[in-house]
Each structure stands twice: as structure tokens, then as C-alpha cells.
C-alpha atoms as a PDB file:
ATOM      1  CA  MET A   1      12.127   5.793 -16.301  1.00  0.00           C
ATOM      2  CA  PRO A   2      10.375   5.350 -19.648  1.00  0.00           C
ATOM      3  CA  ALA A   3       7.245   7.369 -20.300  1.00  0.00           C
ATOM      4  CA  LEU A   4       3.900   5.669 -19.919  1.00  0.00           C
ATOM      5  CA  SER A   5       1.741   5.078 -22.911  1.00  0.00           C
ATOM      6  CA  LYS A   6      -1.376   7.262 -23.150  1.00  0.00           C
ATOM      7  CA  ASN A   7      -3.703   4.387 -22.266  1.00  0.00           C
ATOM      8  CA  PHE A   8      -1.684   3.385 -19.236  1.00  0.00           C
ATOM      9  CA  ALA A   9      -1.272   6.942 -18.049  1.00  0.00           C
ATOM     10  CA  LEU A  10      -5.042   7.395 -18.023  1.00  0.00           C
ATOM     11  CA  GLN A  11      -5.351   4.369 -15.725  1.00  0.00           C
ATOM     12  CA  VAL A  12      -2.389   5.118 -13.453  1.00  0.00           C
ATOM     13  CA  PRO A  13      -1.575   8.795 -12.791  1.00  0.00           C
ATOM     14  CA  THR A  14       1.529   8.186 -10.637  1.00  0.00           C
ATOM     15  CA  LEU A  15       3.989   5.285 -10.681  1.00  0.00           C
ATOM     16  CA  TYR A  16       7.466   4.891  -9.239  1.00  0.00           C
ATOM     17  CA  ASP A  17       9.320   7.954  -8.043  1.00  0.00           C
ATOM     18  CA  GLU A  18      12.950   7.455  -7.233  1.00  0.00           C
ATOM     19  CA  LEU A  19      12.897   8.734  -3.707  1.00  0.00           C
ATOM     20  CA  GLU A  20      15.460   9.122  -0.979  1.00  0.00           C
ATOM     21  CA  PHE A  21      14.236   9.274   2.589  1.00  0.00           C
ATOM     22  CA  ASN A  22      15.659  10.692   5.737  1.00  0.00           C
ATOM     23  CA  HIS A  23      13.848   9.590   8.820  1.00  0.00           C
ATOM     24  CA  ASP A  24      16.173  11.153  11.371  1.00  0.00           C
ATOM     25  CA  ASP A  25      14.209  12.800  14.198  1.00  0.00           C
ATOM     26  CA  GLU A  26      10.960  12.341  12.209  1.00  0.00           C
ATOM     27  CA  LEU A  27       8.916  11.261  15.221  1.00  0.00           C
ATOM     28  CA  ILE A  28      10.494  13.887  17.416  1.00  0.00           C
ATOM     29  CA  ASP A  29       9.617  16.618  14.884  1.00  0.00           C
ATOM     30  CA  GLU A  30       6.041  15.319  14.762  1.00  0.00           C
ATOM     31  CA  LEU A  31       5.657  15.312  18.521  1.00  0.00           C
ATOM     32  CA  ARG A  32       6.916  18.911  18.600  1.00  0.00           C
ATOM     33  CA  ASP A  33       4.346  19.833  15.955  1.00  0.00           C
ATOM     34  CA  LEU A  34       1.645  18.320  18.112  1.00  0.00           C
ATOM     35  CA  GLY A  35       2.681  20.342  21.140  1.00  0.00           C
ATOM     36  CA  TYR A  36       4.589  17.852  23.234  1.00  0.00           C
ATOM     37  CA  ASP A  37       7.231  19.280  25.596  1.00  0.00           C
ATOM     38  CA  LEU A  38      10.456  17.391  25.040  1.00  0.00           C
ATOM     39  CA  GLY A  39      12.513  19.391  27.493  1.00  0.00           C
ATOM     40  CA  ASP A  40      11.881  17.254  30.570  1.00  0.00           C
ATOM     41  CA  HIS A  41      11.616  13.800  29.095  1.00  0.00           C
ATOM     42  CA  SER A  42      14.148  12.877  26.385  1.00  0.00           C
ATOM     43  CA  LEU A  43      12.885  10.519  23.677  1.00  0.00           C
ATOM     44  CA  SER A  44      16.406   9.117  23.473  1.00  0.00           C
ATOM     45  CA  GLU A  45      16.158   7.398  26.883  1.00  0.00           C
ATOM     46  CA  SER A  46      16.552   3.678  26.295  1.00  0.00           C
ATOM     47  CA  ASP A  47      15.808   2.174  29.727  1.00  0.00           C
ATOM     48  CA  PHE A  48      12.245   3.590  30.238  1.00  0.00           C
ATOM     49  CA  ARG A  49      12.784   3.718  34.022  1.00  0.00           C
ATOM     50  CA  ASP A  50       9.733   5.916  34.529  1.00  0.00           C
ATOM     51  CA  LEU A  51       7.341   3.421  32.923  1.00  0.00           C
ATOM     52  CA  ASP A  52       5.578   0.494  34.556  1.00  0.00           C
ATOM     53  CA  PHE A  53       5.003  -2.452  32.270  1.00  0.00           C
ATOM     54  CA  ASP A  54       3.897  -4.881  35.004  1.00  0.00           C
ATOM     55  CA  GLU A  55       0.238  -4.725  33.906  1.00  0.00           C
ATOM     56  CA  TYR A  56       1.121  -5.814  30.361  1.00  0.00           C
ATOM     57  CA  ASP A  57       1.538  -9.486  29.575  1.00  0.00           C
ATOM     58  CA  SER A  58       3.336 -10.242  26.312  1.00  0.00           C
ATOM     59  CA  GLY A  59       2.180 -13.849  26.459  1.00  0.00           C
ATOM     60  CA  GLY A  60       5.713 -15.017  25.804  1.00  0.00           C
ATOM     61  CA  ALA A  61       5.929 -13.335  22.448  1.00  0.00           C
ATOM     62  CA  ASP A  62       9.420 -12.813  21.036  1.00  0.00           C
ATOM     63  CA  ILE A  63       8.610  -9.216  19.971  1.00  0.00           C
ATOM     64  CA  ILE A  64       6.485  -6.679  21.794  1.00  0.00           C
ATOM     65  CA  LEU A  65       4.229  -5.101  19.162  1.00  0.00           C
ATOM     66  CA  ASP A  66       2.539  -2.480  21.357  1.00  0.00           C
ATOM     67  CA  VAL A  67       2.707   0.933  19.744  1.00  0.00           C
ATOM     68  CA  PRO A  68       2.687   4.102  21.880  1.00  0.00           C
ATOM     69  CA  TYR A  69      -0.606   5.944  21.302  1.00  0.00           C
ATOM     70  CA  VAL A  70      -0.020   9.317  19.636  1.00  0.00           C
ATOM     71  CA  PRO A  71      -3.178  10.500  17.843  1.00  0.00           C
ATOM     72  CA  SER A  72      -2.926  11.908  14.331  1.00  0.00           C
ATOM     73  CA  ASP A  73      -3.643  15.588  13.908  1.00  0.00           C
ATOM     74  CA  GLU A  74      -6.784  16.444  11.917  1.00  0.00           C
ATOM     75  CA  LYS A  75      -4.723  17.885   9.086  1.00  0.00           C
ATOM     76  CA  ILE A  76      -2.741  14.659   8.897  1.00  0.00           C
ATOM     77  CA  VAL A  77      -5.924  12.587   8.852  1.00  0.00           C
ATOM     78  CA  SER A  78      -7.316  14.647   5.996  1.00  0.00           C
ATOM     79  CA  ALA A  79      -4.058  14.431   4.074  1.00  0.00           C
ATOM     80  CA  MET A  80      -3.957  10.667   4.493  1.00  0.00           C
ATOM     81  CA  LEU A  81      -7.483  10.280   3.156  1.00  0.00           C
ATOM     82  CA  ASP A  82      -6.649  12.556   0.229  1.00  0.00           C
ATOM     83  CA  LEU A  83      -3.455  10.640  -0.555  1.00  0.00           C
ATOM     84  CA  ALA A  84      -5.344   7.332  -0.504  1.00  0.00           C
ATOM     85  CA  GLN A  85      -8.058   8.926  -2.727  1.00  0.00           C
ATOM     86  CA  VAL A  86     -10.755   7.550  -0.408  1.00  0.00           C
ATOM     87  CA  THR A  87     -14.338   7.638  -1.745  1.00  0.00           C
ATOM     88  CA  SER A  88     -17.757   6.280  -0.777  1.00  0.00           C
ATOM     89  CA  GLN A  89     -16.967   3.163  -2.820  1.00  0.00           C
ATOM     90  CA  ASP A  90     -14.091   2.135  -0.561  1.00  0.00           C
ATOM     91  CA  ILE A  91     -13.829  -0.103   2.474  1.00  0.00           C
ATOM     92  CA  LEU A  92     -11.220   1.452   4.748  1.00  0.00           C
ATOM     93  CA  TYR A  93      -9.385  -0.454   7.452  1.00  0.00           C
ATOM     94  CA  ASP A  94      -7.348   1.491  10.020  1.00  0.00           C
ATOM     95  CA  LEU A  95      -4.891  -0.836  11.698  1.00  0.00           C
ATOM     96  CA  GLY A  96      -4.117   0.573  15.170  1.00  0.00           C
ATOM     97  CA  CYS A  97      -7.122   2.838  15.030  1.00  0.00           C
ATOM     98  CA  GLY A  98      -6.761   4.431  18.445  1.00  0.00           C
ATOM     99  CA  ASP A  99      -9.825   6.602  19.157  1.00  0.00           C
ATOM    100  CA  GLY A 100     -11.166   5.933  15.631  1.00  0.00           C
ATOM    101  CA  ARG A 101     -10.618   9.380  14.203  1.00  0.00           C
ATOM    102  CA  ILE A 102      -9.446   8.227  10.729  1.00  0.00           C
ATOM    103  CA  VAL A 103     -12.354   5.807  10.247  1.00  0.00           C
ATOM    104  CA  VAL A 104     -14.864   8.341  11.571  1.00  0.00           C
ATOM    105  CA  ALA A 105     -13.471  11.188   9.411  1.00  0.00           C
ATOM    106  CA  ALA A 106     -13.779   8.991   6.276  1.00  0.00           C
ATOM    107  CA  ALA A 107     -17.362   8.101   7.169  1.00  0.00           C
ATOM    108  CA  LEU A 108     -18.337  11.631   8.078  1.00  0.00           C
ATOM    109  CA  GLU A 109     -16.692  13.463   5.175  1.00  0.00           C
ATOM    110  CA  ARG A 110     -16.727  10.803   2.402  1.00  0.00           C
ATOM    111  CA  ASN A 111     -19.512   8.392   3.358  1.00  0.00           C
ATOM    112  CA  THR A 112     -16.939   5.574   3.463  1.00  0.00           C
ATOM    113  CA  HIS A 113     -17.547   2.277   5.225  1.00  0.00           C
ATOM    114  CA  GLY A 114     -14.700   1.570   7.639  1.00  0.00           C
ATOM    115  CA  VAL A 115     -13.301  -0.799  10.191  1.00  0.00           C
ATOM    116  CA  GLY A 116     -10.917   0.144  12.986  1.00  0.00           C
ATOM    117  CA  ILE A 117      -8.779  -2.458  14.715  1.00  0.00           C
ATOM    118  CA  ASP A 118      -6.859  -1.895  17.968  1.00  0.00           C
ATOM    119  CA  VAL A 119      -5.504  -4.119  20.705  1.00  0.00           C
ATOM    120  CA  ASP A 120      -6.442  -1.621  23.416  1.00  0.00           C
ATOM    121  CA  PRO A 121     -10.035  -2.070  24.716  1.00  0.00           C
ATOM    122  CA  MET A 122     -10.060   1.497  26.087  1.00  0.00           C
ATOM    123  CA  ARG A 123      -9.372   2.893  22.640  1.00  0.00           C
ATOM    124  CA  ILE A 124     -12.042   0.732  21.078  1.00  0.00           C
ATOM    125  CA  THR A 125     -14.597   2.040  23.632  1.00  0.00           C
ATOM    126  CA  GLU A 126     -13.566   5.621  22.791  1.00  0.00           C
ATOM    127  CA  ALA A 127     -13.893   4.959  19.093  1.00  0.00           C
ATOM    128  CA  ILE A 128     -17.385   3.453  19.426  1.00  0.00           C
ATOM    129  CA  GLU A 129     -18.496   6.402  21.517  1.00  0.00           C
ATOM    130  CA  TYR A 130     -16.961   8.897  19.057  1.00  0.00           C
ATOM    131  CA  ALA A 131     -18.740   7.214  16.098  1.00  0.00           C
ATOM    132  CA  GLY A 132     -22.042   7.365  17.956  1.00  0.00           C
ATOM    133  CA  HIS A 133     -21.526  11.019  18.883  1.00  0.00           C
ATOM    134  CA  THR A 134     -20.869  11.973  15.256  1.00  0.00           C
ATOM    135  CA  GLY A 135     -23.737   9.861  13.902  1.00  0.00           C
ATOM    136  CA  VAL A 136     -21.742   7.507  11.679  1.00  0.00           C
ATOM    137  CA  GLU A 137     -22.125   4.295  13.686  1.00  0.00           C
ATOM    138  CA  HIS A 138     -24.009   2.725  10.746  1.00  0.00           C
ATOM    139  CA  LEU A 139     -20.937   3.085   8.549  1.00  0.00           C
ATOM    140  CA  VAL A 140     -18.183   1.983  10.909  1.00  0.00           C
ATOM    141  CA  HIS A 141     -17.229  -1.015  13.018  1.00  0.00           C
ATOM    142  CA  PHE A 142     -14.469  -1.275  15.664  1.00  0.00           C
ATOM    143  CA  ILE A 143     -12.754  -4.513  16.665  1.00  0.00           C
ATOM    144  CA  GLU A 144     -10.411  -5.309  19.580  1.00  0.00           C
ATOM    145  CA  ASP A 145      -7.804  -7.609  18.081  1.00  0.00           C
ATOM    146  CA  ASP A 146      -4.130  -8.258  17.492  1.00  0.00           C
ATOM    147  CA  LEU A 147      -3.039  -6.517  14.280  1.00  0.00           C
ATOM    148  CA  LEU A 148      -0.953  -9.495  13.211  1.00  0.00           C
ATOM    149  CA  GLU A 149      -3.974 -11.819  13.442  1.00  0.00           C
ATOM    150  CA  ALA A 150      -6.912  -9.595  12.484  1.00  0.00           C
ATOM    151  CA  GLU A 151      -8.699 -10.115   9.168  1.00  0.00           C
ATOM    152  CA  PHE A 152      -8.495  -7.200   6.709  1.00  0.00           C
ATOM    153  CA  GLY A 153      -8.510  -8.912   3.286  1.00  0.00           C
ATOM    154  CA  ASN A 154     -11.632  -7.147   1.982  1.00  0.00           C
ATOM    155  CA  ALA A 155     -10.112  -3.671   2.430  1.00  0.00           C
ATOM    156  CA  THR A 156      -9.651  -1.381  -0.564  1.00  0.00           C
ATOM    157  CA  VAL A 157      -7.741   1.152   1.586  1.00  0.00           C
ATOM    158  CA  VAL A 158      -5.557   0.483   4.618  1.00  0.00           C
ATOM    159  CA  THR A 159      -4.234   3.241   6.879  1.00  0.00           C
ATOM    160  CA  LEU A 160      -1.387   2.811   9.373  1.00  0.00           C
ATOM    161  CA  TYR A 161       0.257   4.849  12.096  1.00  0.00           C
ATOM    162  CA  LEU A 162       2.549   2.189  13.536  1.00  0.00           C
ATOM    163  CA  LEU A 163       6.248   1.785  14.100  1.00  0.00           C
ATOM    164  CA  ASP A 164       8.671   0.547  11.460  1.00  0.00           C
ATOM    165  CA  LEU A 165       8.973  -2.804  13.239  1.00  0.00           C
ATOM    166  CA  VAL A 166       5.223  -3.397  13.166  1.00  0.00           C
ATOM    167  CA  ASN A 167       4.949  -2.302   9.532  1.00  0.00           C
ATOM    168  CA  LEU A 168       7.610  -4.850   8.596  1.00  0.00           C
ATOM    169  CA  GLN A 169       5.764  -7.534  10.557  1.00  0.00           C
ATOM    170  CA  LEU A 170       2.547  -6.705   8.693  1.00  0.00           C
ATOM    171  CA  ARG A 171       4.129  -6.366   5.265  1.00  0.00           C
ATOM    172  CA  PRO A 172       3.892 -10.024   4.198  1.00  0.00           C
ATOM    173  CA  ARG A 173       0.186 -10.178   5.037  1.00  0.00           C
ATOM    174  CA  LEU A 174      -0.542  -6.870   3.305  1.00  0.00           C
ATOM    175  CA  LEU A 175       1.121  -8.178   0.142  1.00  0.00           C
ATOM    176  CA  ASP A 176      -0.499 -11.650   0.269  1.00  0.00           C
ATOM    177  CA  GLU A 177      -3.975 -10.964   1.532  1.00  0.00           C
ATOM    178  CA  LEU A 178      -4.954  -7.610   0.058  1.00  0.00           C
ATOM    179  CA  ARG A 179      -6.258  -7.473  -3.484  1.00  0.00           C
ATOM    180  CA  PRO A 180      -4.005  -5.925  -6.152  1.00  0.00           C
ATOM    181  CA  GLY A 181      -4.790  -2.226  -6.397  1.00  0.00           C
ATOM    182  CA  THR A 182      -5.518  -1.803  -2.671  1.00  0.00           C
ATOM    183  CA  ARG A 183      -3.999   1.471  -1.424  1.00  0.00           C
ATOM    184  CA  ILE A 184      -1.971   1.584   1.765  1.00  0.00           C
ATOM    185  CA  VAL A 185      -1.092   4.881   3.416  1.00  0.00           C
ATOM    186  CA  SER A 186       1.253   5.142   6.380  1.00  0.00           C
ATOM    187  CA  HIS A 187       1.758   8.105   8.678  1.00  0.00           C
ATOM    188  CA  ALA A 188       5.495   8.734   9.294  1.00  0.00           C
ATOM    189  CA  PHE A 189       6.827   5.179   8.910  1.00  0.00           C
ATOM    190  CA  ASP A 190       7.813   3.259   5.797  1.00  0.00           C
ATOM    191  CA  MET A 191       8.009  -0.442   4.796  1.00  0.00           C
ATOM    192  CA  GLY A 192      11.729  -1.077   4.557  1.00  0.00           C
ATOM    193  CA  ASP A 193      12.837  -2.040   1.071  1.00  0.00           C
ATOM    194  CA  TRP A 194       9.283  -1.921  -0.285  1.00  0.00           C
ATOM    195  CA  LYS A 195       9.571   1.552  -1.738  1.00  0.00           C
ATOM    196  CA  PRO A 196       6.379   3.639  -1.771  1.00  0.00           C
ATOM    197  CA  ASP A 197       4.644   4.525  -4.986  1.00  0.00           C
ATOM    198  CA  GLN A 198       4.224   8.048  -3.661  1.00  0.00           C
ATOM    199  CA  ARG A 199       5.487  10.149  -0.801  1.00  0.00           C
ATOM    200  CA  GLN A 200       3.960  13.384   0.398  1.00  0.00           C
ATOM    201  CA  ASN A 201       5.114  15.932   2.973  1.00  0.00           C
ATOM    202  CA  CYS A 202       2.590  17.364   5.377  1.00  0.00           C
ATOM    203  CA  GLY A 203       4.548  19.954   7.289  1.00  0.00           C
ATOM    204  CA  SER A 204       7.494  18.081   8.731  1.00  0.00           C
ATOM    205  CA  ILE A 205       5.667  14.725   8.496  1.00  0.00           C
ATOM    206  CA  ASN A 206       6.157  12.186   5.716  1.00  0.00           C
ATOM    207  CA  LEU A 207       3.162  10.284   4.414  1.00  0.00           C
ATOM    208  CA  TYR A 208       3.746   7.155   2.305  1.00  0.00           C
ATOM    209  CA  LYS A 209       1.492   5.443  -0.225  1.00  0.00           C
ATOM    210  CA  TRP A 210       1.802   1.989  -1.668  1.00  0.00           C
ATOM    211  CA  ILE A 211      -0.454   0.268  -4.243  1.00  0.00           C
ATOM    212  CA  VAL A 212      -0.485  -3.498  -3.663  1.00  0.00           C
ATOM    213  CA  PRO A 213       0.975  -5.053  -6.800  1.00  0.00           C
ATOM    214  CA  ALA A 214      -0.335  -8.114  -8.612  1.00  0.00           C
ATOM    215  CA  LYS A 215       1.869 -11.161  -8.577  1.00  0.00           C
ATOM    216  CA  VAL A 216       3.257 -11.328 -12.151  1.00  0.00           C
ATOM    217  CA  ALA A 217       6.454 -13.373 -11.876  1.00  0.00           C
ATOM    218  CA  GLY A 218       6.534 -16.293 -14.261  1.00  0.00           C
ATOM    219  CA  ILE A 219       6.274 -17.036 -17.982  1.00  0.00           C
ATOM    220  CA  TRP A 220       3.366 -15.593 -19.953  1.00  0.00           C
ATOM    221  CA  GLU A 221       2.281 -16.052 -23.561  1.00  0.00           C
ATOM    222  CA  TRP A 222      -0.321 -14.332 -25.768  1.00  0.00           C
ATOM    223  CA  GLN A 223      -1.164 -13.756 -29.415  1.00  0.00           C
ATOM    224  CA  ALA A 224      -1.144 -10.285 -31.053  1.00  0.00           C
ATOM    225  CA  THR A 225      -3.672  -9.208 -33.655  1.00  0.00           C
ATOM    226  CA  THR A 226      -0.817  -9.271 -36.141  1.00  0.00           C
ATOM    227  CA  GLY A 227      -0.596 -13.038 -35.644  1.00  0.00           C
ATOM    228  CA  GLU A 228       2.730 -12.869 -33.787  1.00  0.00           C
ATOM    229  CA  ALA A 229       3.175 -14.986 -30.690  1.00  0.00           C
ATOM    230  CA  TYR A 230       4.577 -13.069 -27.677  1.00  0.00           C
ATOM    231  CA  ARG A 231       6.290 -14.603 -24.694  1.00  0.00           C
ATOM    232  CA  VAL A 232       7.767 -12.937 -21.564  1.00  0.00           C
ATOM    233  CA  GLU A 233       9.631 -14.317 -18.583  1.00  0.00           C
ATOM    234  CA  LEU A 234       9.322 -11.984 -15.597  1.00  0.00           C
ATOM    235  CA  LYS A 235      10.986 -11.619 -12.192  1.00  0.00           C
ATOM    236  CA  GLN A 236       9.418  -9.425  -9.538  1.00  0.00           C
ATOM    237  CA  LYS A 237      10.279  -7.611  -6.342  1.00  0.00           C
ATOM    238  CA  TYR A 238       7.269  -5.777  -5.086  1.00  0.00           C
ATOM    239  CA  GLN A 239       6.178  -3.420  -7.942  1.00  0.00           C
ATOM    240  CA  GLN A 240       9.558  -3.557  -9.652  1.00  0.00           C
ATOM    241  CA  VAL A 241       9.594  -6.050 -12.568  1.00  0.00           C
ATOM    242  CA  THR A 242      12.359  -7.140 -14.943  1.00  0.00           C
ATOM    243  CA  GLY A 243      12.538  -9.909 -17.524  1.00  0.00           C
ATOM    244  CA  LYS A 244      13.086 -11.138 -21.093  1.00  0.00           C
ATOM    245  CA  ALA A 245      10.855 -11.358 -24.173  1.00  0.00           C
ATOM    246  CA  TRP A 246      10.440 -13.402 -27.350  1.00  0.00           C
ATOM    247  CA  ILE A 247       8.419 -12.878 -30.533  1.00  0.00           C
ATOM    248  CA  ASP A 248       7.597 -15.987 -32.556  1.00  0.00           C
ATOM    249  CA  GLY A 249      10.304 -17.828 -30.614  1.00  0.00           C
ATOM    250  CA  ALA A 250      13.035 -15.321 -31.426  1.00  0.00           C
ATOM    251  CA  ALA A 251      14.676 -13.214 -28.720  1.00  0.00           C
ATOM    252  CA  ALA A 252      13.256  -9.691 -28.528  1.00  0.00           C
ATOM    253  CA  GLN A 253      13.885  -6.659 -26.325  1.00  0.00           C
ATOM    254  CA  LEU A 254      11.686  -6.082 -23.270  1.00  0.00           C
ATOM    255  CA  LYS A 255      12.107  -2.301 -23.232  1.00  0.00           C
ATOM    256  CA  SER A 256      10.134  -1.647 -20.036  1.00  0.00           C
ATOM    257  CA  VAL A 257       7.646  -3.170 -17.588  1.00  0.00           C
ATOM    258  CA  LEU A 258       5.461  -0.914 -15.461  1.00  0.00           C
ATOM    259  CA  LEU A 259       3.212  -2.441 -12.752  1.00  0.00           C
ATOM    260  CA  SER A 260       0.637  -0.579 -10.661  1.00  0.00           C
ATOM    261  CA  GLY A 261      -1.885  -2.627  -8.744  1.00  0.00           C
ATOM    262  CA  ASP A 262      -3.459  -5.014 -11.218  1.00  0.00           C
ATOM    263  CA  LEU A 263      -2.423  -3.085 -14.317  1.00  0.00           C
ATOM    264  CA  ILE A 264       0.722  -3.968 -16.229  1.00  0.00           C
ATOM    265  CA  GLU A 265       2.264  -2.328 -19.279  1.00  0.00           C
ATOM    266  CA  LEU A 266       4.944  -4.093 -21.332  1.00  0.00           C
ATOM    267  CA  GLN A 267       6.850  -2.399 -24.111  1.00  0.00           C
ATOM    268  CA  ILE A 268       8.503  -4.941 -26.441  1.00  0.00           C
ATOM    269  CA  LYS A 269      10.748  -4.357 -29.481  1.00  0.00           C
ATOM    270  CA  LYS A 270      11.538  -6.957 -32.163  1.00  0.00           C
ATOM    271  CA  ASP A 271      15.009  -5.512 -32.540  1.00  0.00           C
ATOM    272  CA  ALA A 272      17.006  -2.357 -31.896  1.00  0.00           C
ATOM    273  CA  SER A 273      15.763  -0.603 -35.051  1.00  0.00           C
ATOM    274  CA  SER A 274      12.019  -1.350 -34.640  1.00  0.00           C
ATOM    275  CA  ARG A 275       9.393   0.651 -32.761  1.00  0.00           C
ATOM    276  CA  PRO A 276       8.230  -0.772 -29.415  1.00  0.00           C
ATOM    277  CA  VAL A 277       4.786  -2.320 -29.186  1.00  0.00           C
ATOM    278  CA  SER A 278       2.967  -1.547 -25.957  1.00  0.00           C
ATOM    279  CA  PHE A 279       0.541  -3.991 -24.308  1.00  0.00           C
ATOM    280  CA  VAL A 280      -1.589  -2.815 -21.366  1.00  0.00           C
ATOM    281  CA  MET A 281      -3.298  -5.639 -19.488  1.00  0.00           C
ATOM    282  CA  ARG A 282      -5.265  -6.229 -16.304  1.00  0.00           C
ATOM    283  CA  CYS A 283      -3.800  -9.010 -14.200  1.00  0.00           C
ATOM    284  CA  ALA A 284      -5.685 -11.971 -12.762  1.00  0.00           C
ATOM    285  CA  SER A 285      -4.080 -15.030 -11.148  1.00  0.00           C
ATOM    286  CA  LYS A 286      -3.575 -17.088 -14.266  1.00  0.00           C
ATOM    287  CA  GLN A 287      -4.312 -14.693 -17.132  1.00  0.00           C
ATOM    288  CA  TRP A 288      -3.995 -11.078 -18.158  1.00  0.00           C
ATOM    289  CA  LEU A 289      -6.847  -9.421 -20.052  1.00  0.00           C
ATOM    290  CA  ALA A 290      -6.170  -6.687 -22.592  1.00  0.00           C
ATOM    291  CA  VAL A 291      -7.287  -3.188 -21.570  1.00  0.00           C
ATOM    292  CA  ASP A 292      -7.036  -2.134 -25.219  1.00  0.00           C
ATOM    293  CA  GLY A 293      -8.091  -4.936 -27.569  1.00  0.00           C
ATOM    294  CA  ASN A 294      -6.626  -3.395 -30.759  1.00  0.00           C
ATOM    295  CA  LEU A 295      -3.251  -5.053 -30.320  1.00  0.00           C
ATOM    296  CA  GLN A 296      -4.023  -8.275 -28.488  1.00  0.00           C
ATOM    297  CA  ALA A 297      -5.873 -11.208 -29.990  1.00  0.00           C
ATOM    298  CA  SER A 298      -5.882 -13.365 -26.875  1.00  0.00           C
ATOM    299  CA  ALA A 299      -5.407 -13.119 -23.128  1.00  0.00           C
ATOM    300  CA  ALA A 300      -1.907 -13.675 -21.759  1.00  0.00           C
ATOM    301  CA  ILE A 301      -1.772 -17.116 -20.177  1.00  0.00           C
ATOM    302  CA  LYS A 302       0.615 -18.088 -17.387  1.00  0.00           C
ATOM    303  CA  ILE A 303       2.786 -21.008 -18.340  1.00  0.00           C
ATOM    304  CA  VAL A 304       5.342 -21.408 -15.562  1.00  0.00           C
ATOM    305  CA  ASN A 305       5.821 -19.849 -12.138  1.00  0.00           C
ATOM    306  CA  SER A 306       9.038 -18.060 -11.528  1.00  0.00           C
END
């Protein structure tokens, strides 16, 4: 992975780590850490004979999205908030909030406004009572709703403790509806082939962090202060970006592209023997604005979708 330029490194402390994950027995290890006795009830049972689902109505849904309620330990809650770098300037949404402990902790310790969403009315009642007991009811709000239909587009931080299946169901909405730069932190479960920007171990538990990437695929053109015309054609899969470059209409080398949230850095070389020129820009829907104006004479304009 090429090194970041100094300007970009100041903006984005951590980008893509090449990570390998092993999720075997992850939930079992976590339940042991939380004091559950696994001797009498094996988690490998597949028929759930001891459970009564008659009171639950799936409404004909193809997939049951109910998640078993296992509350996060206080140390895990604190680690999640630290990993997401939550401050008083954030709006935190906890999807599948349970008793509201993540939202309340953020409000109590960091003066953060938060919203908790859960499909279980009993948990919502508990969360409201907990917020009142701790005196943060003016900072938090709890909503009984389906996670796949609830509104969360104004979040700057999203926390999750859901199953892999539900994360994958939510993933398209997280990518499409959250603003670039929004941080997502998940307790124990990942997002399939959307690799995290950061992973952290808390005891035997994995925590994952993603930064929602801007949509940058397409053809972009801008003018450098040297008078040269730059053009790039980019393809994108999540925060991973590849492509080609031209300078004054001649093929050039796109040495690297780094994307984190709404910040993009492109390093472009005129030829193999020249030094790369680095452009750091902040992405909007149809233009990129230079973070450092010394090299760029105009904003990058989107020409064609890719």
C-alpha cells in the first residue's frame, strides 16, 4: 500500500488494513465472557425445540430478521464509542438498541445526541426508563421500528450488534443513505465483502469500523496550476478504487487512489521516470474541491458515470 501524502495523512489517520478474519466460535466465546453457561444448552442445536415462536408473526416475510437479545458489556460499549471516535458533535444511531445502553452511555459520557431503534416494544420501554433514570432523556430518543425500514440518514455514527444476515440486509441502505464520512461500528459481526477500515480486538471480541465512502466512479477532469489538464476514469468497489489517468490527453500512470469518507487522494505520474503529483480533494456529488489549492486551479468535474 503506498504511503499517504502528509496532507492526506493529517485528514485520515487510518485507511485500509489488509486483514484476515476468523469468526469461528466468535459468538460462543463472547457468551462465555459474559458469563453464560453453555454446558446444558448447546448453541449448535439447529431445531430450537425448546423455543416457542407461536407469539411471533413474521407477516409472511421471506427472512426472519429478529436478533436474539444479548446486551453488550460496558467495556465493549466504551470500546465501540472510542473506535467510532464519538464526540458531542455527533448524532449516533444504534440499530437494534436493546435497553439503550450504547445511546445512553454516549449521552452520559460524551454529551452526544442519539437515537435508538428496536423492533421490541419491551426493550424500547426499558431504554426510555433507563434514559430517564440517568438524566439524559433530553439528549436521546428511542423508536420502535423495523431496522430495514427505519430512517437513519442524518446519523454521523451508526452502531450495530446484529447478526451477519441482518448486517448484509442493511448494507445497501447504509452505503446509499448515510453521508460519506459517517462511521459505522459493529460488535462481533462484519459486512461480508465490504472490508472494514479498521478492526480492533476487545478481549476475545472483534469490533469492526467502516467509514462510508463517497461515490467516485466515473470520469473526472480538472486543471492544475501548471496549466495541465488532468483526467481520470475510476471504478469503485466500496472504498477500493482503481482506474486510469491522462495528462493533456496523453496516457499517464495512476499510481494510487486512496478513498476515506469524502476525502480522495490521487497520485498521478506523467511517465515512469517522473515524480508523482498528489491531489487531495473533498468529494461532492458532481465535483471535487481541492483540500490544498497549491496544485489545483479548478475543481474536478464529473463528466460521465461509470
